[in-house]
Amino acid sequence: KITRIVAEALAEKGVELYDIKFEFGFNQDEVLLIDEIASGNMR
């Protein structure tokens, strides 16, 4: 889901997301996205 959201935002800028790296954690048994969403983690 997050990848598609990021890809759509980048497509609006005229570029294409090929792959992306995330980190996840959990807080009170709920999975949540952690770390960052930045150019250094995506191709």
Full PDB file with SEQRES, HELIX, SHEET, SSBOND, CRYST1, ORIGX, SCALE, CONECT and MASTER records, all heavy atoms in Angstrom:
SEQRES   1 A   43  LYS ILE THR ARG ILE VAL ALA GLU ALA LEU ALA GLU LYS          
SEQRES   2 A   43  GLY VAL GLU LEU TYR ASP ILE LYS PHE GLU PHE GLY PHE          
SEQRES   3 A   43  ASN GLN ASP GLU VAL LEU LEU ILE ASP GLU ILE ALA SER          
SEQRES   4 A   43  GLY ASN MET ARG                                              
HELIX    1 AA1 ILE A    2  ALA A   11  1                                  10    
HELIX    2 AA2 SER A   39  ASN A   41  5                                   3    
SHEET    1 AA1 2 GLU A  23  ASN A  27  0                                        
SHEET    2 AA1 2 GLU A  30  ILE A  34 -1                                        
CRYST1    1.000    1.000    1.000  90.00  90.00  90.00 P 1           1          
ORIGX1      1.000000  0.000000  0.000000        0.00000                         
ORIGX2      0.000000  1.000000  0.000000        0.00000                         
ORIGX3      0.000000  0.000000  1.000000        0.00000                         
SCALE1      1.000000  0.000000  0.000000        0.00000                         
SCALE2      0.000000  1.000000  0.000000        0.00000                         
SCALE3      0.000000  0.000000  1.000000        0.00000                         
ATOM      1  N   LYS A   1       0.832  -1.205   0.000  1.00  0.00           N  
ATOM      2  CA  LYS A   1       0.000   0.000   0.000  1.00  0.00           C  
ATOM      3  C   LYS A   1       0.863   1.251   0.000  1.00  0.00           C  
ATOM      4  O   LYS A   1       0.635   2.182  -0.796  1.00  0.00           O  
ATOM      5  CB  LYS A   1      -0.920   0.000   1.222  1.00  0.00           C  
ATOM      6  CG  LYS A   1      -1.859   1.193   1.297  1.00  0.00           C  
ATOM      7  CD  LYS A   1      -2.808   1.087   2.487  1.00  0.00           C  
ATOM      8  CE  LYS A   1      -3.786   2.259   2.521  1.00  0.00           C  
ATOM      9  NZ  LYS A   1      -4.754   2.141   3.654  1.00  0.00           N  
ATOM     10  N   ILE A   2       1.871   1.296   0.865  1.00  0.00           N  
ATOM     11  CA  ILE A   2       2.746   2.468   0.960  1.00  0.00           C  
ATOM     12  C   ILE A   2       3.541   2.648  -0.327  1.00  0.00           C  
ATOM     13  O   ILE A   2       3.719   3.771  -0.815  1.00  0.00           O  
ATOM     14  CB  ILE A   2       3.677   2.342   2.173  1.00  0.00           C  
ATOM     15  CG1 ILE A   2       2.867   2.347   3.474  1.00  0.00           C  
ATOM     16  CG2 ILE A   2       4.705   3.470   2.186  1.00  0.00           C  
ATOM     17  CD1 ILE A   2       3.653   1.921   4.694  1.00  0.00           C  
ATOM     18  N   THR A   3       4.018   1.542  -0.899  1.00  0.00           N  
ATOM     19  CA  THR A   3       4.788   1.614  -2.138  1.00  0.00           C  
ATOM     20  C   THR A   3       3.969   2.248  -3.249  1.00  0.00           C  
ATOM     21  O   THR A   3       4.461   3.099  -4.007  1.00  0.00           O  
ATOM     22  CB  THR A   3       5.251   0.208  -2.570  1.00  0.00           C  
ATOM     23  OG1 THR A   3       6.126  -0.317  -1.565  1.00  0.00           O  
ATOM     24  CG2 THR A   3       5.994   0.259  -3.898  1.00  0.00           C  
ATOM     25  N   ARG A   4       2.713   1.862  -3.358  1.00  0.00           N  
ATOM     26  CA  ARG A   4       1.858   2.421  -4.410  1.00  0.00           C  
ATOM     27  C   ARG A   4       1.602   3.912  -4.182  1.00  0.00           C  
ATOM     28  O   ARG A   4       1.544   4.692  -5.132  1.00  0.00           O  
ATOM     29  CB  ARG A   4       0.552   1.630  -4.495  1.00  0.00           C  
ATOM     30  CG  ARG A   4       0.775   0.204  -5.022  1.00  0.00           C  
ATOM     31  CD  ARG A   4      -0.517  -0.546  -5.283  1.00  0.00           C  
ATOM     32  NE  ARG A   4      -0.245  -1.826  -5.942  1.00  0.00           N  
ATOM     33  CZ  ARG A   4      -0.311  -3.007  -5.339  1.00  0.00           C  
ATOM     34  NH1 ARG A   4      -0.652  -3.080  -4.055  1.00  0.00           N  
ATOM     35  NH2 ARG A   4      -0.054  -4.113  -6.004  1.00  0.00           N  
ATOM     36  N   ILE A   5       1.475   4.315  -2.922  1.00  0.00           N  
ATOM     37  CA  ILE A   5       1.288   5.737  -2.612  1.00  0.00           C  
ATOM     38  C   ILE A   5       2.530   6.536  -3.003  1.00  0.00           C  
ATOM     39  O   ILE A   5       2.436   7.606  -3.614  1.00  0.00           O  
ATOM     40  CB  ILE A   5       0.973   5.924  -1.112  1.00  0.00           C  
ATOM     41  CG1 ILE A   5      -0.413   5.355  -0.785  1.00  0.00           C  
ATOM     42  CG2 ILE A   5       1.050   7.397  -0.717  1.00  0.00           C  
ATOM     43  CD1 ILE A   5      -0.733   5.296   0.700  1.00  0.00           C  
ATOM     44  N   VAL A   6       3.704   6.011  -2.661  1.00  0.00           N  
ATOM     45  CA  VAL A   6       4.963   6.674  -3.012  1.00  0.00           C  
ATOM     46  C   VAL A   6       5.131   6.722  -4.525  1.00  0.00           C  
ATOM     47  O   VAL A   6       5.513   7.757  -5.093  1.00  0.00           O  
ATOM     48  CB  VAL A   6       6.152   5.952  -2.354  1.00  0.00           C  
ATOM     49  CG1 VAL A   6       7.479   6.525  -2.861  1.00  0.00           C  
ATOM     50  CG2 VAL A   6       6.081   6.056  -0.842  1.00  0.00           C  
ATOM     51  N   ALA A   7       4.835   5.607  -5.197  1.00  0.00           N  
ATOM     52  CA  ALA A   7       4.988   5.539  -6.655  1.00  0.00           C  
ATOM     53  C   ALA A   7       4.085   6.555  -7.349  1.00  0.00           C  
ATOM     54  O   ALA A   7       4.494   7.200  -8.326  1.00  0.00           O  
ATOM     55  CB  ALA A   7       4.674   4.129  -7.141  1.00  0.00           C  
ATOM     56  N   GLU A   8       2.872   6.709  -6.848  1.00  0.00           N  
ATOM     57  CA  GLU A   8       1.941   7.677  -7.440  1.00  0.00           C  
ATOM     58  C   GLU A   8       2.457   9.107  -7.273  1.00  0.00           C  
ATOM     59  O   GLU A   8       2.375   9.914  -8.202  1.00  0.00           O  
ATOM     60  CB  GLU A   8       0.556   7.535  -6.790  1.00  0.00           C  
ATOM     61  CG  GLU A   8      -0.182   6.267  -7.199  1.00  0.00           C  
ATOM     62  CD  GLU A   8      -1.468   6.060  -6.408  1.00  0.00           C  
ATOM     63  OE1 GLU A   8      -1.832   6.956  -5.611  1.00  0.00           O  
ATOM     64  OE2 GLU A   8      -2.108   5.009  -6.588  1.00  0.00           O  
ATOM     65  N   ALA A   9       3.004   9.412  -6.091  1.00  0.00           N  
ATOM     66  CA  ALA A   9       3.538  10.759  -5.842  1.00  0.00           C  
ATOM     67  C   ALA A   9       4.731  11.050  -6.750  1.00  0.00           C  
ATOM     68  O   ALA A   9       4.882  12.171  -7.254  1.00  0.00           O  
ATOM     69  CB  ALA A   9       3.935  10.897  -4.376  1.00  0.00           C  
ATOM     70  N   LEU A  10       5.571  10.047  -6.971  1.00  0.00           N  
ATOM     71  CA  LEU A  10       6.729  10.225  -7.839  1.00  0.00           C  
ATOM     72  C   LEU A  10       6.309  10.324  -9.310  1.00  0.00           C  
ATOM     73  O   LEU A  10       6.895  11.096 -10.077  1.00  0.00           O  
ATOM     74  CB  LEU A  10       7.709   9.071  -7.649  1.00  0.00           C  
ATOM     75  CG  LEU A  10       8.437   9.049  -6.301  1.00  0.00           C  
ATOM     76  CD1 LEU A  10       9.150   7.726  -6.089  1.00  0.00           C  
ATOM     77  CD2 LEU A  10       9.423  10.206  -6.198  1.00  0.00           C  
ATOM     78  N   ALA A  11       5.295   9.549  -9.688  1.00  0.00           N  
ATOM     79  CA  ALA A  11       4.803   9.592 -11.074  1.00  0.00           C  
ATOM     80  C   ALA A  11       4.288  10.980 -11.423  1.00  0.00           C  
ATOM     81  O   ALA A  11       4.408  11.434 -12.574  1.00  0.00           O  
ATOM     82  CB  ALA A  11       3.713   8.546 -11.267  1.00  0.00           C  
ATOM     83  N   GLU A  12       3.724  11.667 -10.431  1.00  0.00           N  
ATOM     84  CA  GLU A  12       3.242  13.035 -10.656  1.00  0.00           C  
ATOM     85  C   GLU A  12       4.390  13.980 -10.998  1.00  0.00           C  
ATOM     86  O   GLU A  12       4.170  15.039 -11.585  1.00  0.00           O  
ATOM     87  CB  GLU A  12       2.492  13.533  -9.426  1.00  0.00           C  
ATOM     88  CG  GLU A  12       1.169  12.815  -9.176  1.00  0.00           C  
ATOM     89  CD  GLU A  12       0.477  13.271  -7.908  1.00  0.00           C  
ATOM     90  OE1 GLU A  12       1.034  14.152  -7.209  1.00  0.00           O  
ATOM     91  OE2 GLU A  12      -0.615  12.753  -7.609  1.00  0.00           O  
ATOM     92  N   LYS A  13       5.604  13.576 -10.603  1.00  0.00           N  
ATOM     93  CA  LYS A  13       6.798  14.375 -10.907  1.00  0.00           C  
ATOM     94  C   LYS A  13       7.458  13.913 -12.209  1.00  0.00           C  
ATOM     95  O   LYS A  13       8.509  14.430 -12.599  1.00  0.00           O  
ATOM     96  CB  LYS A  13       7.807  14.262  -9.767  1.00  0.00           C  
ATOM     97  CG  LYS A  13       7.298  14.754  -8.413  1.00  0.00           C  
ATOM     98  CD  LYS A  13       7.233  16.264  -8.354  1.00  0.00           C  
ATOM     99  CE  LYS A  13       6.888  16.736  -6.951  1.00  0.00           C  
ATOM    100  NZ  LYS A  13       6.891  18.229  -6.852  1.00  0.00           N  
ATOM    101  N   GLY A  14       6.867  12.914 -12.856  1.00  0.00           N  
ATOM    102  CA  GLY A  14       7.395  12.445 -14.123  1.00  0.00           C  
ATOM    103  C   GLY A  14       8.497  11.420 -14.029  1.00  0.00           C  
ATOM    104  O   GLY A  14       9.257  11.220 -14.988  1.00  0.00           O  
ATOM    105  N   VAL A  15       8.618  10.753 -12.874  1.00  0.00           N  
ATOM    106  CA  VAL A  15       9.647   9.725 -12.701  1.00  0.00           C  
ATOM    107  C   VAL A  15       8.991   8.434 -12.212  1.00  0.00           C  
ATOM    108  O   VAL A  15       7.850   8.436 -11.749  1.00  0.00           O  
ATOM    109  CB  VAL A  15      10.737  10.177 -11.709  1.00  0.00           C  
ATOM    110  CG1 VAL A  15      11.479  11.386 -12.269  1.00  0.00           C  
ATOM    111  CG2 VAL A  15      10.134  10.517 -10.352  1.00  0.00           C  
ATOM    112  N   GLU A  16       9.726   7.325 -12.304  1.00  0.00           N  
ATOM    113  CA  GLU A  16       9.150   6.015 -11.981  1.00  0.00           C  
ATOM    114  C   GLU A  16       9.919   5.313 -10.863  1.00  0.00           C  
ATOM    115  O   GLU A  16      11.137   5.178 -10.927  1.00  0.00           O  
ATOM    116  CB  GLU A  16       9.128   5.117 -13.223  1.00  0.00           C  
ATOM    117  CG  GLU A  16       8.466   3.768 -12.975  1.00  0.00           C  
ATOM    118  CD  GLU A  16       8.432   2.881 -14.195  1.00  0.00           C  
ATOM    119  OE1 GLU A  16       8.860   3.331 -15.284  1.00  0.00           O  
ATOM    120  OE2 GLU A  16       7.994   1.715 -14.071  1.00  0.00           O  
ATOM    121  N   LEU A  17       9.177   4.857  -9.878  1.00  0.00           N  
ATOM    122  CA  LEU A  17       9.758   4.081  -8.782  1.00  0.00           C  
ATOM    123  C   LEU A  17       9.956   2.639  -9.231  1.00  0.00           C  
ATOM    124  O   LEU A  17       9.018   1.994  -9.694  1.00  0.00           O  
ATOM    125  CB  LEU A  17       8.823   4.127  -7.567  1.00  0.00           C  
ATOM    126  CG  LEU A  17       9.266   3.320  -6.341  1.00  0.00           C  
ATOM    127  CD1 LEU A  17      10.522   3.914  -5.728  1.00  0.00           C  
ATOM    128  CD2 LEU A  17       8.135   3.269  -5.301  1.00  0.00           C  
ATOM    129  N   TYR A  18      11.192   2.132  -9.085  1.00  0.00           N  
ATOM    130  CA  TYR A  18      11.492   0.739  -9.441  1.00  0.00           C  
ATOM    131  C   TYR A  18      11.465  -0.159  -8.202  1.00  0.00           C  
ATOM    132  O   TYR A  18      10.952  -1.274  -8.256  1.00  0.00           O  
ATOM    133  CB  TYR A  18      12.861   0.642 -10.114  1.00  0.00           C  
ATOM    134  CG  TYR A  18      12.847   0.852 -11.610  1.00  0.00           C  
ATOM    135  CD1 TYR A  18      11.989   1.790 -12.199  1.00  0.00           C  
ATOM    136  CD2 TYR A  18      13.699   0.137 -12.443  1.00  0.00           C  
ATOM    137  CE1 TYR A  18      11.984   1.986 -13.572  1.00  0.00           C  
ATOM    138  CE2 TYR A  18      13.705   0.328 -13.814  1.00  0.00           C  
ATOM    139  CZ  TYR A  18      12.848   1.250 -14.379  1.00  0.00           C  
ATOM    140  OH  TYR A  18      12.849   1.447 -15.738  1.00  0.00           O  
ATOM    141  N   ASP A  19      12.061   0.311  -7.108  1.00  0.00           N  
ATOM    142  CA  ASP A  19      11.993  -0.452  -5.859  1.00  0.00           C  
ATOM    143  C   ASP A  19      12.233   0.486  -4.689  1.00  0.00           C  
ATOM    144  O   ASP A  19      12.724   1.597  -4.855  1.00  0.00           O  
ATOM    145  CB  ASP A  19      12.956  -1.654  -5.841  1.00  0.00           C  
ATOM    146  CG  ASP A  19      14.407  -1.287  -6.090  1.00  0.00           C  
ATOM    147  OD1 ASP A  19      14.850  -0.238  -5.578  1.00  0.00           O  
ATOM    148  OD2 ASP A  19      15.110  -2.033  -6.790  1.00  0.00           O  
ATOM    149  N   ILE A  20      11.869   0.029  -3.504  1.00  0.00           N  
ATOM    150  CA  ILE A  20      11.979   0.862  -2.310  1.00  0.00           C  
ATOM    151  C   ILE A  20      12.160  -0.027  -1.092  1.00  0.00           C  
ATOM    152  O   ILE A  20      11.661  -1.160  -1.054  1.00  0.00           O  
ATOM    153  CB  ILE A  20      10.735   1.763  -2.152  1.00  0.00           C  
ATOM    154  CG1 ILE A  20      10.906   2.755  -0.996  1.00  0.00           C  
ATOM    155  CG2 ILE A  20       9.467   0.936  -2.028  1.00  0.00           C  
ATOM    156  CD1 ILE A  20       9.864   3.867  -0.996  1.00  0.00           C  
ATOM    157  N   LYS A  21      12.907   0.493  -0.115  1.00  0.00           N  
ATOM    158  CA  LYS A  21      13.225  -0.266   1.101  1.00  0.00           C  
ATOM    159  C   LYS A  21      12.589   0.412   2.303  1.00  0.00           C  
ATOM    160  O   LYS A  21      12.707   1.626   2.474  1.00  0.00           O  
ATOM    161  CB  LYS A  21      14.741  -0.344   1.260  1.00  0.00           C  
ATOM    162  CG  LYS A  21      15.226  -1.061   2.499  1.00  0.00           C  
ATOM    163  CD  LYS A  21      16.740  -1.230   2.465  1.00  0.00           C  
ATOM    164  CE  LYS A  21      17.467   0.087   2.451  1.00  0.00           C  
ATOM    165  NZ  LYS A  21      18.946  -0.058   2.439  1.00  0.00           N  
ATOM    166  N   PHE A  22      11.904  -0.373   3.130  1.00  0.00           N  
ATOM    167  CA  PHE A  22      11.247   0.137   4.331  1.00  0.00           C  
ATOM    168  C   PHE A  22      11.750  -0.605   5.567  1.00  0.00           C  
ATOM    169  O   PHE A  22      12.363  -1.673   5.467  1.00  0.00           O  
ATOM    170  CB  PHE A  22       9.731  -0.082   4.269  1.00  0.00           C  
ATOM    171  CG  PHE A  22       9.033   0.623   3.148  1.00  0.00           C  
ATOM    172  CD1 PHE A  22       8.417  -0.100   2.134  1.00  0.00           C  
ATOM    173  CD2 PHE A  22       8.949   2.006   3.114  1.00  0.00           C  
ATOM    174  CE1 PHE A  22       7.746   0.538   1.110  1.00  0.00           C  
ATOM    175  CE2 PHE A  22       8.277   2.658   2.086  1.00  0.00           C  
ATOM    176  CZ  PHE A  22       7.673   1.922   1.084  1.00  0.00           C  
ATOM    177  N   GLU A  23      11.414  -0.025   6.723  1.00  0.00           N  
ATOM    178  CA  GLU A  23      11.545  -0.743   7.986  1.00  0.00           C  
ATOM    179  C   GLU A  23      10.231  -0.602   8.742  1.00  0.00           C  
ATOM    180  O   GLU A  23       9.596   0.453   8.702  1.00  0.00           O  
ATOM    181  CB  GLU A  23      12.703  -0.200   8.820  1.00  0.00           C  
ATOM    182  CG  GLU A  23      14.071  -0.548   8.258  1.00  0.00           C  
ATOM    183  CD  GLU A  23      15.199  -0.167   9.202  1.00  0.00           C  
ATOM    184  OE1 GLU A  23      15.062  -0.426  10.419  1.00  0.00           O  
ATOM    185  OE2 GLU A  23      16.199   0.391   8.722  1.00  0.00           O  
ATOM    186  N   PHE A  24       9.841  -1.671   9.413  1.00  0.00           N  
ATOM    187  CA  PHE A  24       8.625  -1.660  10.209  1.00  0.00           C  
ATOM    188  C   PHE A  24       8.935  -2.077  11.636  1.00  0.00           C  
ATOM    189  O   PHE A  24       9.924  -2.762  11.912  1.00  0.00           O  
ATOM    190  CB  PHE A  24       7.580  -2.625   9.618  1.00  0.00           C  
ATOM    191  CG  PHE A  24       7.004  -2.166   8.314  1.00  0.00           C  
ATOM    192  CD1 PHE A  24       7.631  -2.463   7.114  1.00  0.00           C  
ATOM    193  CD2 PHE A  24       5.825  -1.442   8.280  1.00  0.00           C  
ATOM    194  CE1 PHE A  24       7.112  -2.034   5.905  1.00  0.00           C  
ATOM    195  CE2 PHE A  24       5.284  -1.002   7.076  1.00  0.00           C  
ATOM    196  CZ  PHE A  24       5.929  -1.305   5.891  1.00  0.00           C  
ATOM    197  N   GLY A  25       8.082  -1.651  12.540  1.00  0.00           N  
ATOM    198  CA  GLY A  25       8.180  -2.058  13.930  1.00  0.00           C  
ATOM    199  C   GLY A  25       6.779  -2.285  14.459  1.00  0.00           C  
ATOM    200  O   GLY A  25       5.807  -2.286  13.694  1.00  0.00           O  
ATOM    201  N   PHE A  26       6.673  -2.473  15.752  1.00  0.00           N  
ATOM    202  CA  PHE A  26       5.330  -2.636  16.317  1.00  0.00           C  
ATOM    203  C   PHE A  26       5.250  -1.930  17.664  1.00  0.00           C  
ATOM    204  O   PHE A  26       6.220  -1.839  18.409  1.00  0.00           O  
ATOM    205  CB  PHE A  26       4.937  -4.106  16.434  1.00  0.00           C  
ATOM    206  CG  PHE A  26       5.865  -4.952  17.267  1.00  0.00           C  
ATOM    207  CD1 PHE A  26       5.561  -5.255  18.588  1.00  0.00           C  
ATOM    208  CD2 PHE A  26       7.034  -5.478  16.726  1.00  0.00           C  
ATOM    209  CE1 PHE A  26       6.405  -6.037  19.357  1.00  0.00           C  
ATOM    210  CE2 PHE A  26       7.888  -6.269  17.486  1.00  0.00           C  
ATOM    211  CZ  PHE A  26       7.570  -6.546  18.811  1.00  0.00           C  
ATOM    212  N   ASN A  27       4.082  -1.376  17.921  1.00  0.00           N  
ATOM    213  CA  ASN A  27       3.796  -0.646  19.146  1.00  0.00           C  
ATOM    214  C   ASN A  27       2.475  -1.164  19.673  1.00  0.00           C  
ATOM    215  O   ASN A  27       1.439  -1.025  19.019  1.00  0.00           O  
ATOM    216  CB  ASN A  27       3.712   0.860  18.855  1.00  0.00           C  
ATOM    217  CG  ASN A  27       3.620   1.689  20.116  1.00  0.00           C  
ATOM    218  OD1 ASN A  27       3.052   1.265  21.109  1.00  0.00           O  
ATOM    219  ND2 ASN A  27       4.174   2.881  20.074  1.00  0.00           N  
ATOM    220  N   GLN A  28       2.514  -1.828  20.841  1.00  0.00           N  
ATOM    221  CA  GLN A  28       1.317  -2.453  21.407  1.00  0.00           C  
ATOM    222  C   GLN A  28       0.668  -3.383  20.391  1.00  0.00           C  
ATOM    223  O   GLN A  28      -0.544  -3.346  20.144  1.00  0.00           O  
ATOM    224  CB  GLN A  28       0.334  -1.380  21.877  1.00  0.00           C  
ATOM    225  CG  GLN A  28       0.887  -0.506  22.999  1.00  0.00           C  
ATOM    226  CD  GLN A  28      -0.087   0.552  23.466  1.00  0.00           C  
ATOM    227  OE1 GLN A  28      -1.104   0.792  22.830  1.00  0.00           O  
ATOM    228  NE2 GLN A  28       0.207   1.190  24.584  1.00  0.00           N  
ATOM    229  N   ASP A  29       1.491  -4.220  19.763  1.00  0.00           N  
ATOM    230  CA  ASP A  29       1.064  -5.253  18.816  1.00  0.00           C  
ATOM    231  C   ASP A  29       0.552  -4.696  17.491  1.00  0.00           C  
ATOM    232  O   ASP A  29       0.065  -5.448  16.647  1.00  0.00           O  
ATOM    233  CB  ASP A  29      -0.009  -6.159  19.435  1.00  0.00           C  
ATOM    234  CG  ASP A  29       0.523  -6.960  20.612  1.00  0.00           C  
ATOM    235  OD1 ASP A  29       1.720  -7.308  20.575  1.00  0.00           O  
ATOM    236  OD2 ASP A  29      -0.238  -7.216  21.557  1.00  0.00           O  
ATOM    237  N   GLU A  30       0.643  -3.378  17.281  1.00  0.00           N  
ATOM    238  CA  GLU A  30       0.220  -2.792  16.014  1.00  0.00           C  
ATOM    239  C   GLU A  30       1.447  -2.525  15.153  1.00  0.00           C  
ATOM    240  O   GLU A  30       2.391  -1.875  15.579  1.00  0.00           O  
ATOM    241  CB  GLU A  30      -0.548  -1.493  16.257  1.00  0.00           C  
ATOM    242  CG  GLU A  30      -1.111  -0.890  14.994  1.00  0.00           C  
ATOM    243  CD  GLU A  30      -2.004   0.302  15.288  1.00  0.00           C  
ATOM    244  OE1 GLU A  30      -1.613   1.153  16.102  1.00  0.00           O  
ATOM    245  OE2 GLU A  30      -3.099   0.375  14.696  1.00  0.00           O  
ATOM    246  N   VAL A  31       1.429  -3.049  13.916  1.00  0.00           N  
ATOM    247  CA  VAL A  31       2.545  -2.853  12.993  1.00  0.00           C  
ATOM    248  C   VAL A  31       2.497  -1.431  12.444  1.00  0.00           C  
ATOM    249  O   VAL A  31       1.437  -0.939  12.048  1.00  0.00           O  
ATOM    250  CB  VAL A  31       2.477  -3.857  11.830  1.00  0.00           C  
ATOM    251  CG1 VAL A  31       3.585  -3.574  10.815  1.00  0.00           C  
ATOM    252  CG2 VAL A  31       2.604  -5.279  12.355  1.00  0.00           C  
ATOM    253  N   LEU A  32       3.655  -0.733  12.442  1.00  0.00           N  
ATOM    254  CA  LEU A  32       3.701   0.608  11.896  1.00  0.00           C  
ATOM    255  C   LEU A  32       5.017   0.849  11.179  1.00  0.00           C  
ATOM    256  O   LEU A  32       6.037   0.237  11.499  1.00  0.00           O  
ATOM    257  CB  LEU A  32       3.479   1.657  12.984  1.00  0.00           C  
ATOM    258  CG  LEU A  32       4.526   1.886  14.065  1.00  0.00           C  
ATOM    259  CD1 LEU A  32       4.248   3.215  14.763  1.00  0.00           C  
ATOM    260  CD2 LEU A  32       4.509   0.773  15.106  1.00  0.00           C  
ATOM    261  N   LEU A  33       4.980   1.734  10.207  1.00  0.00           N  
ATOM    262  CA  LEU A  33       6.162   2.086   9.445  1.00  0.00           C  
ATOM    263  C   LEU A  33       7.095   2.930  10.300  1.00  0.00           C  
ATOM    264  O   LEU A  33       6.670   3.879  10.957  1.00  0.00           O  
ATOM    265  CB  LEU A  33       5.755   2.877   8.200  1.00  0.00           C  
ATOM    266  CG  LEU A  33       6.898   3.315   7.284  1.00  0.00           C  
ATOM    267  CD1 LEU A  33       7.538   2.116   6.602  1.00  0.00           C  
ATOM    268  CD2 LEU A  33       6.382   4.314   6.251  1.00  0.00           C  
ATOM    269  N   ILE A  34       8.399   2.590  10.281  1.00  0.00           N  
ATOM    270  CA  ILE A  34       9.388   3.355  11.034  1.00  0.00           C  
ATOM    271  C   ILE A  34      10.503   3.812  10.090  1.00  0.00           C  
ATOM    272  O   ILE A  34      10.427   3.616   8.887  1.00  0.00           O  
ATOM    273  CB  ILE A  34       9.957   2.557  12.221  1.00  0.00           C  
ATOM    274  CG1 ILE A  34      10.709   1.306  11.732  1.00  0.00           C  
ATOM    275  CG2 ILE A  34       8.839   2.134  13.173  1.00  0.00           C  
ATOM    276  CD1 ILE A  34      11.442   0.552  12.845  1.00  0.00           C  
ATOM    277  N   ASP A  35      11.520   4.443  10.628  1.00  0.00           N  
ATOM    278  CA  ASP A  35      12.695   4.899   9.888  1.00  0.00           C  
ATOM    279  C   ASP A  35      12.337   6.073   8.981  1.00  0.00           C  
ATOM    280  O   ASP A  35      11.863   7.090   9.458  1.00  0.00           O  
ATOM    281  CB  ASP A  35      13.334   3.744   9.122  1.00  0.00           C  
ATOM    282  CG  ASP A  35      14.762   4.063   8.708  1.00  0.00           C  
ATOM    283  OD1 ASP A  35      15.514   4.605   9.540  1.00  0.00           O  
ATOM    284  OD2 ASP A  35      15.131   3.769   7.554  1.00  0.00           O  
ATOM    285  N   GLU A  36      12.526   5.966   7.671  1.00  0.00           N  
ATOM    286  CA  GLU A  36      12.344   7.087   6.765  1.00  0.00           C  
ATOM    287  C   GLU A  36      11.777   6.631   5.425  1.00  0.00           C  
ATOM    288  O   GLU A  36      11.736   5.442   5.116  1.00  0.00           O  
ATOM    289  CB  GLU A  36      13.674   7.802   6.527  1.00  0.00           C  
ATOM    290  CG  GLU A  36      14.693   6.940   5.794  1.00  0.00           C  
ATOM    291  CD  GLU A  36      16.035   7.636   5.580  1.00  0.00           C  
ATOM    292  OE1 GLU A  36      16.179   8.789   6.001  1.00  0.00           O  
ATOM    293  OE2 GLU A  36      16.920   7.008   4.985  1.00  0.00           O  
ATOM    294  N   ILE A  37      11.322   7.608   4.639  1.00  0.00           N  
ATOM    295  CA  ILE A  37      10.931   7.362   3.244  1.00  0.00           C  
ATOM    296  C   ILE A  37      11.653   8.428   2.436  1.00  0.00           C  
ATOM    297  O   ILE A  37      11.179   9.558   2.315  1.00  0.00           O  
ATOM    298  CB  ILE A  37       9.411   7.500   3.033  1.00  0.00           C  
ATOM    299  CG1 ILE A  37       8.634   6.679   4.059  1.00  0.00           C  
ATOM    300  CG2 ILE A  37       9.039   7.062   1.615  1.00  0.00           C  
ATOM    301  CD1 ILE A  37       7.130   6.892   3.981  1.00  0.00           C  
ATOM    302  N   ALA A  38      12.808   8.101   1.908  1.00  0.00           N  
ATOM    303  CA  ALA A  38      13.633   9.126   1.273  1.00  0.00           C  
ATOM    304  C   ALA A  38      14.372   8.561   0.067  1.00  0.00           C  
ATOM    305  O   ALA A  38      14.374   7.352  -0.182  1.00  0.00           O  
ATOM    306  CB  ALA A  38      14.616   9.689   2.291  1.00  0.00           C  
ATOM    307  N   SER A  39      15.016   9.451  -0.672  1.00  0.00           N  
ATOM    308  CA  SER A  39      15.673   9.065  -1.923  1.00  0.00           C  
ATOM    309  C   SER A  39      16.759   8.018  -1.721  1.00  0.00           C  
ATOM    310  O   SER A  39      17.014   7.206  -2.610  1.00  0.00           O  
ATOM    311  CB  SER A  39      16.272  10.304  -2.597  1.00  0.00           C  
ATOM    312  OG  SER A  39      17.227  10.921  -1.756  1.00  0.00           O  
ATOM    313  N   GLY A  40      17.392   8.014  -0.551  1.00  0.00           N  
ATOM    314  CA  GLY A  40      18.447   7.039  -0.289  1.00  0.00           C  
ATOM    315  C   GLY A  40      17.946   5.624  -0.107  1.00  0.00           C  
ATOM    316  O   GLY A  40      18.735   4.680  -0.084  1.00  0.00           O  
ATOM    317  N   ASN A  41      16.627   5.463   0.016  1.00  0.00           N  
ATOM    318  CA  ASN A  41      16.053   4.131   0.220  1.00  0.00           C  
ATOM    319  C   ASN A  41      15.250   3.647  -0.983  1.00  0.00           C  
ATOM    320  O   ASN A  41      14.531   2.655  -0.878  1.00  0.00           O  
ATOM    321  CB  ASN A  41      15.132   4.130   1.448  1.00  0.00           C  
ATOM    322  CG  ASN A  41      15.913   4.182   2.740  1.00  0.00           C  
ATOM    323  OD1 ASN A  41      17.098   3.872   2.774  1.00  0.00           O  
ATOM    324  ND2 ASN A  41      15.256   4.590   3.802  1.00  0.00           N  
ATOM    325  N   MET A  42      15.345   4.367  -2.085  1.00  0.00           N  
ATOM    326  CA  MET A  42      14.556   3.973  -3.248  1.00  0.00           C  
ATOM    327  C   MET A  42      15.371   4.077  -4.529  1.00  0.00           C  
ATOM    328  O   MET A  42      16.350   4.819  -4.603  1.00  0.00           O  
ATOM    329  CB  MET A  42      13.292   4.832  -3.349  1.00  0.00           C  
ATOM    330  CG  MET A  42      13.538   6.317  -3.455  1.00  0.00           C  
ATOM    331  SD  MET A  42      11.993   7.303  -3.520  1.00  0.00           S  
ATOM    332  CE  MET A  42      11.474   7.243  -1.804  1.00  0.00           C  
ATOM    333  N   ARG A  43      14.958   3.307  -5.512  1.00  0.00           N  
ATOM    334  CA  ARG A  43      15.584   3.375  -6.833  1.00  0.00           C  
ATOM    335  C   ARG A  43      14.534   3.941  -7.786  1.00  0.00           C  
ATOM    336  O   ARG A  43      13.492   3.323  -8.005  1.00  0.00           O  
ATOM    337  CB  ARG A  43      16.038   1.987  -7.275  1.00  0.00           C  
ATOM    338  CG  ARG A  43      17.198   1.992  -8.243  1.00  0.00           C  
ATOM    339  CD  ARG A  43      17.648   0.601  -8.654  1.00  0.00           C  
ATOM    340  NE  ARG A  43      17.481  -0.410  -7.646  1.00  0.00           N  
ATOM    341  CZ  ARG A  43      18.483  -1.111  -7.095  1.00  0.00           C  
ATOM    342  NH1 ARG A  43      19.720  -0.846  -7.414  1.00  0.00           N  
ATOM    343  NH2 ARG A  43      18.227  -2.059  -6.215  1.00  0.00           N  
TER     344      ARG A  43                                                      
MASTER        0    0    0    2    2    0    0    6  343    1    0    4          
END                                                                             
